[in-house]
Amino acid sequence: MKQQVEKVNLRKQNRFTGFVLNIPRLLQEVGIIAHTSVLPDSFPTTILEGMAAEKAIIASDCGGAREMIKNGVNGILVQPRDENAFFEAMLKFKENPELITALGRTARCTFESQFHIHNIVSNLEDCLIHVSNRKK
């Protein structure tokens, strides 16, 4: 993928970080999150952090990413190990920068409605109340 990025002169716009410790600082500096996992991850925190930070996301269509990302709505899903598909998604953002903002906003809305701690606690409370009422 690095070769493809250099080939179309996108080196300055892309950073291949690998493992990162200071996530909040990095999230301030980037516009797009690429989650390139090739193995299913049931709850990819990288995607969750990107959503919370209102970032556009490109993710492998496997594991929890498939449940978190609605393709073309709050991110872009591509087949795992398909470097060309990731590259094409990056080019789509280059050709349509408004898409970065739009998908980022929708990703943040998804985070707020589905993954924010207040909603998770509320849903858990509702479930526990429902279960306790059934036993009476």
Protein backbone atom coordinates (compact mmCIF):
# COMPACT_ATOMS: atom_id res chain seq x y z
CA MET A 1 0.00 0.00 0.00
CA LYS A 2 2.90 2.36 0.74
CA GLN A 3 4.07 1.95 -2.85
CA GLN A 4 0.61 2.81 -4.20
CA VAL A 5 0.46 5.91 -2.00
CA GLU A 6 3.83 7.11 -3.27
CA LYS A 7 2.89 6.29 -6.86
CA VAL A 8 0.04 8.83 -6.85
CA ASN A 9 1.93 11.37 -4.74
CA LEU A 10 -0.10 11.00 -1.53
CA ARG A 11 2.88 10.42 0.78
CA LYS A 12 2.45 13.75 2.59
CA GLN A 13 -1.23 13.04 3.28
CA ASN A 14 -0.66 9.54 4.69
CA ARG A 15 1.08 8.24 7.75
CA PHE A 16 1.63 4.53 8.35
CA THR A 17 2.00 4.40 12.11
CA GLY A 18 1.75 0.80 13.17
CA PHE A 19 1.26 0.51 16.94
CA VAL A 20 0.67 3.85 18.69
CA LEU A 21 0.62 4.65 22.40
CA ASN A 22 -0.63 8.26 22.38
CA ILE A 23 -3.98 7.77 20.64
CA PRO A 24 -5.60 11.12 21.62
CA ARG A 25 -2.73 13.13 20.11
CA LEU A 26 -2.74 11.08 16.93
CA LEU A 27 -6.53 11.45 16.56
CA GLN A 28 -6.13 15.23 16.65
CA GLU A 29 -3.69 15.06 13.75
CA VAL A 30 -5.51 12.75 11.33
CA GLY A 31 -8.69 12.95 9.26
CA ILE A 32 -9.10 9.29 8.35
CA ILE A 33 -8.67 6.07 10.31
CA ALA A 34 -7.72 2.94 8.35
CA HIS A 35 -8.37 -0.24 10.32
CA THR A 36 -6.55 -2.83 8.25
CA SER A 37 -7.06 -5.89 10.43
CA VAL A 38 -6.96 -9.21 8.60
CA LEU A 39 -8.26 -11.21 11.56
CA PRO A 40 -11.74 -10.75 13.00
CA ASP A 41 -11.79 -8.54 16.11
CA SER A 42 -15.10 -8.74 17.95
CA PHE A 43 -14.93 -5.14 19.23
CA PRO A 44 -12.25 -3.09 17.45
CA THR A 45 -11.40 -0.18 19.76
CA THR A 46 -9.55 1.60 16.95
CA ILE A 47 -12.84 2.02 15.13
CA LEU A 48 -14.64 3.05 18.31
CA GLU A 49 -11.98 5.69 19.07
CA GLY A 50 -12.18 6.98 15.51
CA MET A 51 -15.96 7.24 15.71
CA ALA A 52 -15.77 9.09 19.03
CA ALA A 53 -13.27 11.52 17.48
CA GLU A 54 -15.55 12.12 14.45
CA LYS A 55 -13.11 10.60 11.94
CA ALA A 56 -13.87 8.98 8.61
CA ILE A 57 -13.08 5.26 8.79
CA ILE A 58 -11.93 2.68 6.28
CA ALA A 59 -12.11 -0.79 7.82
CA SER A 60 -11.72 -4.43 6.93
CA ASP A 61 -15.11 -6.06 6.51
CA CYS A 62 -14.69 -8.65 9.26
CA GLY A 63 -15.50 -9.16 12.90
CA GLY A 64 -17.05 -6.31 14.85
CA ALA A 65 -16.19 -3.77 12.16
CA ARG A 66 -18.94 -5.27 10.03
CA GLU A 67 -21.44 -4.52 12.81
CA MET A 68 -20.11 -1.04 13.64
CA ILE A 69 -19.67 0.34 10.12
CA LYS A 70 -22.51 0.72 7.65
CA ASN A 71 -20.71 0.89 4.33
CA GLY A 72 -20.99 4.34 2.76
CA VAL A 73 -22.97 5.71 5.71
CA ASN A 74 -20.53 6.05 8.63
CA GLY A 75 -17.42 4.61 7.01
CA ILE A 76 -16.17 2.42 4.20
CA LEU A 77 -15.76 -1.35 4.43
CA VAL A 78 -13.29 -3.25 2.25
CA GLN A 79 -12.33 -6.90 2.04
CA PRO A 80 -9.51 -7.96 4.40
CA ARG A 81 -6.08 -8.17 2.75
CA ASP A 82 -7.30 -6.19 -0.27
CA GLU A 83 -4.72 -3.40 -0.46
CA ASN A 84 -6.20 -2.13 -3.72
CA ALA A 85 -9.61 -1.68 -2.09
CA PHE A 86 -8.06 0.30 0.78
CA PHE A 87 -6.18 2.40 -1.72
CA GLU A 88 -9.34 3.02 -3.77
CA ALA A 89 -11.16 4.12 -0.62
CA MET A 90 -8.34 6.59 0.14
CA LEU A 91 -8.55 7.91 -3.41
CA LYS A 92 -12.31 8.34 -2.99
CA PHE A 93 -11.59 10.62 -0.02
CA LYS A 94 -8.97 12.54 -2.00
CA GLU A 95 -11.42 13.10 -4.85
CA ASN A 96 -14.29 13.97 -2.51
CA PRO A 97 -12.96 15.66 0.68
CA GLU A 98 -16.52 16.49 1.84
CA LEU A 99 -17.03 12.76 2.24
CA ILE A 100 -14.43 12.73 5.03
CA THR A 101 -16.48 15.26 7.00
CA ALA A 102 -19.83 13.62 6.24
CA LEU A 103 -18.74 10.10 7.20
CA GLY A 104 -16.95 11.44 10.28
CA ARG A 105 -20.09 13.20 11.49
CA THR A 106 -22.22 10.13 10.91
CA ALA A 107 -19.61 7.98 12.66
CA ARG A 108 -19.81 10.29 15.69
CA CYS A 109 -23.61 10.01 15.68
CA THR A 110 -23.28 6.21 15.57
CA PHE A 111 -20.90 6.35 18.51
CA GLU A 112 -23.29 8.55 20.50
CA SER A 113 -26.37 6.44 19.77
CA GLN A 114 -24.88 2.94 20.04
CA PHE A 115 -21.59 2.97 21.94
CA HIS A 116 -21.60 5.89 24.39
CA ILE A 117 -21.31 4.66 27.98
CA HIS A 118 -24.59 6.32 29.01
CA ASN A 119 -26.51 4.38 26.36
CA ILE A 120 -24.76 1.13 27.19
CA VAL A 121 -25.57 1.52 30.91
CA SER A 122 -29.17 2.48 30.13
CA ASN A 123 -29.61 -0.54 27.84
CA LEU A 124 -28.07 -2.83 30.46
CA GLU A 125 -30.40 -1.43 33.15
CA ASP A 126 -33.41 -1.99 30.88
CA CYS A 127 -32.32 -5.56 30.23
CA LEU A 128 -31.81 -6.29 33.94
CA ILE A 129 -35.20 -4.79 34.81
CA HIS A 130 -36.84 -6.88 32.10
CA VAL A 131 -35.19 -10.06 33.33
CA SER A 132 -36.00 -9.36 36.99
CA ASN A 133 -39.66 -8.65 36.12
CA ARG A 134 -39.94 -11.99 34.31
CA LYS A 135 -38.85 -13.89 37.44
CA LYS A 136 -41.61 -12.37 39.61
